[in-house]
Amino acid sequence: MKRNLLTIATVMTMVLSLSSFASEKTNPSVSGPSVSIVANYLNASVLGHQNDIKEMLADNFEYFNTANKKKSSKEEYVKFLNETNNSKYDCAYTYEVLDQTGKSAVAKATFKFDNFTRVDILTLQDTAEGWKISEVITNYK
């Protein structure tokens, strides 16, 4: 009898502790840390995987290309990426989060092509819906 009570107590403890870790379903492409959002941005821009790009960008998102001094809104940028869906760039790329303080972060993504290098500076903000990209500035070397 003592062994049965111990077994029941152990099972109840396990059930209660496991259920305390349960949470609502979230979109992993936007609910992770800022570095995962940068990685997902690279998947969208380099590898052509635009599945969750709209959710990764803040409503006030702005893209700025320094080469032609053109600015694009979230809608324009998402439309461009959707038009290039599944297109892959032939380049090597790296990224790093340069600074993360409180609810904002700055990251750098470098794309090395044969004849030039593209550098994207990303500004991210932590919103109620998770980390979002609020600005991308593209430079070319």
C-alpha atoms as a PDB file:
ATOM      1  CA  MET A   1       0.000   0.000   0.000  1.00  0.00           C
ATOM      2  CA  LYS A   2       2.815   2.390   0.876  1.00  0.00           C
ATOM      3  CA  ARG A   3       4.413   1.689  -2.530  1.00  0.00           C
ATOM      4  CA  ASN A   4       1.107   2.421  -4.352  1.00  0.00           C
ATOM      5  CA  LEU A   5       0.748   5.780  -2.583  1.00  0.00           C
ATOM      6  CA  LEU A   6       4.335   6.685  -3.492  1.00  0.00           C
ATOM      7  CA  THR A   7       3.727   5.766  -7.139  1.00  0.00           C
ATOM      8  CA  ILE A   8       0.503   7.803  -7.275  1.00  0.00           C
ATOM      9  CA  ALA A   9       2.209  10.803  -5.663  1.00  0.00           C
ATOM     10  CA  THR A  10       5.093  10.580  -8.144  1.00  0.00           C
ATOM     11  CA  VAL A  11       2.731  10.393 -11.134  1.00  0.00           C
ATOM     12  CA  MET A  12       0.688  13.358  -9.865  1.00  0.00           C
ATOM     13  CA  THR A  13       3.845  15.422  -9.367  1.00  0.00           C
ATOM     14  CA  MET A  14       5.007  14.656 -12.907  1.00  0.00           C
ATOM     15  CA  VAL A  15       1.609  15.498 -14.418  1.00  0.00           C
ATOM     16  CA  LEU A  16       1.389  18.801 -12.556  1.00  0.00           C
ATOM     17  CA  SER A  17       4.939  19.838 -13.395  1.00  0.00           C
ATOM     18  CA  LEU A  18       4.601  18.963 -17.088  1.00  0.00           C
ATOM     19  CA  SER A  19       1.304  20.809 -17.443  1.00  0.00           C
ATOM     20  CA  SER A  20       2.852  23.944 -15.948  1.00  0.00           C
ATOM     21  CA  PHE A  21       5.154  24.162 -18.981  1.00  0.00           C
ATOM     22  CA  ALA A  22       2.293  24.085 -21.475  1.00  0.00           C
ATOM     23  CA  SER A  23       1.676  27.318 -23.336  1.00  0.00           C
ATOM     24  CA  GLU A  24      -0.354  28.646 -26.205  1.00  0.00           C
ATOM     25  CA  LYS A  25       0.827  27.972 -29.749  1.00  0.00           C
ATOM     26  CA  THR A  26       3.037  30.706 -31.154  1.00  0.00           C
ATOM     27  CA  ASN A  27       4.613  31.281 -34.520  1.00  0.00           C
ATOM     28  CA  PRO A  28       8.286  30.328 -34.075  1.00  0.00           C
ATOM     29  CA  SER A  29       9.370  32.625 -36.882  1.00  0.00           C
ATOM     30  CA  VAL A  30       8.377  35.726 -34.911  1.00  0.00           C
ATOM     31  CA  SER A  31       8.191  34.568 -31.312  1.00  0.00           C
ATOM     32  CA  GLY A  32      11.843  33.673 -30.864  1.00  0.00           C
ATOM     33  CA  PRO A  33      14.773  35.839 -29.848  1.00  0.00           C
ATOM     34  CA  SER A  34      15.922  38.678 -32.096  1.00  0.00           C
ATOM     35  CA  VAL A  35      18.695  36.556 -33.619  1.00  0.00           C
ATOM     36  CA  SER A  36      16.143  34.030 -34.914  1.00  0.00           C
ATOM     37  CA  ILE A  37      14.230  36.830 -36.642  1.00  0.00           C
ATOM     38  CA  VAL A  38      17.434  37.903 -38.394  1.00  0.00           C
ATOM     39  CA  ALA A  39      18.029  34.295 -39.491  1.00  0.00           C
ATOM     40  CA  ASN A  40      14.466  34.100 -40.831  1.00  0.00           C
ATOM     41  CA  TYR A  41      14.994  37.385 -42.700  1.00  0.00           C
ATOM     42  CA  LEU A  42      18.019  35.812 -44.388  1.00  0.00           C
ATOM     43  CA  ASN A  43      15.975  32.769 -45.336  1.00  0.00           C
ATOM     44  CA  ALA A  44      13.473  35.087 -46.978  1.00  0.00           C
ATOM     45  CA  SER A  45      15.953  37.317 -48.782  1.00  0.00           C
ATOM     46  CA  VAL A  46      18.716  34.848 -49.764  1.00  0.00           C
ATOM     47  CA  LEU A  47      17.004  31.475 -49.961  1.00  0.00           C
ATOM     48  CA  GLY A  48      13.600  32.630 -51.189  1.00  0.00           C
ATOM     49  CA  HIS A  49      11.535  31.300 -48.282  1.00  0.00           C
ATOM     50  CA  GLN A  50       8.924  34.031 -47.848  1.00  0.00           C
ATOM     51  CA  ASN A  51       6.449  32.019 -45.749  1.00  0.00           C
ATOM     52  CA  ASP A  52       6.386  34.278 -42.696  1.00  0.00           C
ATOM     53  CA  ILE A  53       7.994  37.471 -43.971  1.00  0.00           C
ATOM     54  CA  LYS A  54       4.858  39.570 -43.498  1.00  0.00           C
ATOM     55  CA  GLU A  55       4.662  38.559 -39.824  1.00  0.00           C
ATOM     56  CA  MET A  56       8.350  39.377 -39.262  1.00  0.00           C
ATOM     57  CA  LEU A  57       8.013  42.977 -40.413  1.00  0.00           C
ATOM     58  CA  ALA A  58       6.550  45.691 -38.193  1.00  0.00           C
ATOM     59  CA  ASP A  59       3.538  47.628 -39.460  1.00  0.00           C
ATOM     60  CA  ASN A  60       5.722  50.757 -39.736  1.00  0.00           C
ATOM     61  CA  PHE A  61       8.488  48.850 -41.579  1.00  0.00           C
ATOM     62  CA  GLU A  62      10.674  50.795 -44.007  1.00  0.00           C
ATOM     63  CA  TYR A  63      13.290  49.529 -46.462  1.00  0.00           C
ATOM     64  CA  PHE A  64      15.929  51.952 -47.746  1.00  0.00           C
ATOM     65  CA  ASN A  65      18.339  51.182 -50.594  1.00  0.00           C
ATOM     66  CA  THR A  66      21.302  53.585 -50.432  1.00  0.00           C
ATOM     67  CA  ALA A  67      22.391  52.822 -54.017  1.00  0.00           C
ATOM     68  CA  ASN A  68      19.301  54.326 -55.629  1.00  0.00           C
ATOM     69  CA  LYS A  69      18.011  56.192 -52.549  1.00  0.00           C
ATOM     70  CA  LYS A  70      14.662  54.396 -52.846  1.00  0.00           C
ATOM     71  CA  LYS A  71      12.406  53.806 -49.843  1.00  0.00           C
ATOM     72  CA  SER A  72       9.817  51.051 -49.714  1.00  0.00           C
ATOM     73  CA  SER A  73       6.978  50.366 -47.298  1.00  0.00           C
ATOM     74  CA  LYS A  74       6.120  47.016 -45.781  1.00  0.00           C
ATOM     75  CA  GLU A  75       3.554  46.294 -48.501  1.00  0.00           C
ATOM     76  CA  GLU A  76       5.976  47.163 -51.311  1.00  0.00           C
ATOM     77  CA  TYR A  77       8.799  45.095 -49.801  1.00  0.00           C
ATOM     78  CA  VAL A  78       6.570  42.066 -49.139  1.00  0.00           C
ATOM     79  CA  LYS A  79       5.273  42.290 -52.719  1.00  0.00           C
ATOM     80  CA  PHE A  80       8.866  42.336 -54.039  1.00  0.00           C
ATOM     81  CA  LEU A  81       9.856  39.335 -51.918  1.00  0.00           C
ATOM     82  CA  ASN A  82       6.750  37.404 -52.946  1.00  0.00           C
ATOM     83  CA  GLU A  83       7.559  38.079 -56.600  1.00  0.00           C
ATOM     84  CA  THR A  84      11.011  36.584 -56.028  1.00  0.00           C
ATOM     85  CA  ASN A  85       9.700  33.627 -54.012  1.00  0.00           C
ATOM     86  CA  ASN A  86      11.993  30.569 -54.272  1.00  0.00           C
ATOM     87  CA  SER A  87      14.706  32.637 -55.999  1.00  0.00           C
ATOM     88  CA  LYS A  88      18.069  31.946 -54.398  1.00  0.00           C
ATOM     89  CA  TYR A  89      21.039  34.296 -54.366  1.00  0.00           C
ATOM     90  CA  ASP A  90      24.404  32.791 -55.205  1.00  0.00           C
ATOM     91  CA  CYS A  91      26.329  34.330 -52.340  1.00  0.00           C
ATOM     92  CA  ALA A  92      27.905  33.622 -48.989  1.00  0.00           C
ATOM     93  CA  TYR A  93      26.240  35.347 -46.077  1.00  0.00           C
ATOM     94  CA  THR A  94      26.771  36.015 -42.402  1.00  0.00           C
ATOM     95  CA  TYR A  95      24.875  37.885 -39.747  1.00  0.00           C
ATOM     96  CA  GLU A  96      25.270  39.130 -36.221  1.00  0.00           C
ATOM     97  CA  VAL A  97      23.258  41.039 -33.671  1.00  0.00           C
ATOM     98  CA  LEU A  98      25.381  44.130 -33.021  1.00  0.00           C
ATOM     99  CA  ASP A  99      23.460  45.398 -30.006  1.00  0.00           C
ATOM    100  CA  GLN A 100      20.347  44.474 -28.081  1.00  0.00           C
ATOM    101  CA  THR A 101      19.190  46.761 -25.328  1.00  0.00           C
ATOM    102  CA  GLY A 102      15.750  46.413 -23.814  1.00  0.00           C
ATOM    103  CA  LYS A 103      13.134  46.212 -26.527  1.00  0.00           C
ATOM    104  CA  SER A 104      15.333  47.169 -29.470  1.00  0.00           C
ATOM    105  CA  ALA A 105      18.153  45.533 -31.382  1.00  0.00           C
ATOM    106  CA  VAL A 106      20.433  46.287 -34.324  1.00  0.00           C
ATOM    107  CA  ALA A 107      21.764  43.534 -36.568  1.00  0.00           C
ATOM    108  CA  LYS A 108      24.046  43.332 -39.574  1.00  0.00           C
ATOM    109  CA  ALA A 109      23.681  40.888 -42.470  1.00  0.00           C
ATOM    110  CA  THR A 110      26.484  40.636 -45.041  1.00  0.00           C
ATOM    111  CA  PHE A 111      25.997  39.028 -48.459  1.00  0.00           C
ATOM    112  CA  LYS A 112      29.232  38.366 -50.399  1.00  0.00           C
ATOM    113  CA  PHE A 113      28.691  38.014 -54.127  1.00  0.00           C
ATOM    114  CA  ASP A 114      31.481  37.487 -56.688  1.00  0.00           C
ATOM    115  CA  ASN A 115      31.714  41.164 -57.722  1.00  0.00           C
ATOM    116  CA  PHE A 116      30.294  43.088 -54.775  1.00  0.00           C
ATOM    117  CA  THR A 117      29.161  42.898 -51.152  1.00  0.00           C
ATOM    118  CA  ARG A 118      25.727  43.849 -49.884  1.00  0.00           C
ATOM    119  CA  VAL A 119      25.331  44.872 -46.241  1.00  0.00           C
ATOM    120  CA  ASP A 120      21.910  45.117 -44.618  1.00  0.00           C
ATOM    121  CA  ILE A 121      21.545  46.931 -41.309  1.00  0.00           C
ATOM    122  CA  LEU A 122      18.372  45.790 -39.545  1.00  0.00           C
ATOM    123  CA  THR A 123      16.588  47.559 -36.722  1.00  0.00           C
ATOM    124  CA  LEU A 124      14.357  45.307 -34.640  1.00  0.00           C
ATOM    125  CA  GLN A 125      11.801  46.055 -31.962  1.00  0.00           C
ATOM    126  CA  ASP A 126      10.266  43.754 -29.375  1.00  0.00           C
ATOM    127  CA  THR A 127       6.491  44.087 -29.668  1.00  0.00           C
ATOM    128  CA  ALA A 128       3.561  42.380 -27.956  1.00  0.00           C
ATOM    129  CA  GLU A 129       3.622  39.922 -30.879  1.00  0.00           C
ATOM    130  CA  GLY A 130       7.360  39.209 -30.576  1.00  0.00           C
ATOM    131  CA  TRP A 131      10.420  40.625 -32.313  1.00  0.00           C
ATOM    132  CA  LYS A 132       9.734  42.496 -35.551  1.00  0.00           C
ATOM    133  CA  ILE A 133      11.999  44.138 -38.115  1.00  0.00           C
ATOM    134  CA  SER A 134      11.152  47.836 -38.306  1.00  0.00           C
ATOM    135  CA  GLU A 135      13.840  49.020 -40.738  1.00  0.00           C
ATOM    136  CA  VAL A 136      16.348  47.634 -43.234  1.00  0.00           C
ATOM    137  CA  ILE A 137      19.036  49.829 -44.781  1.00  0.00           C
ATOM    138  CA  THR A 138      20.945  48.248 -47.672  1.00  0.00           C
ATOM    139  CA  ASN A 139      24.459  49.364 -48.610  1.00  0.00           C
ATOM    140  CA  TYR A 140      26.720  48.067 -51.382  1.00  0.00           C
ATOM    141  CA  LYS A 141      30.524  47.896 -51.506  1.00  0.00           C
END
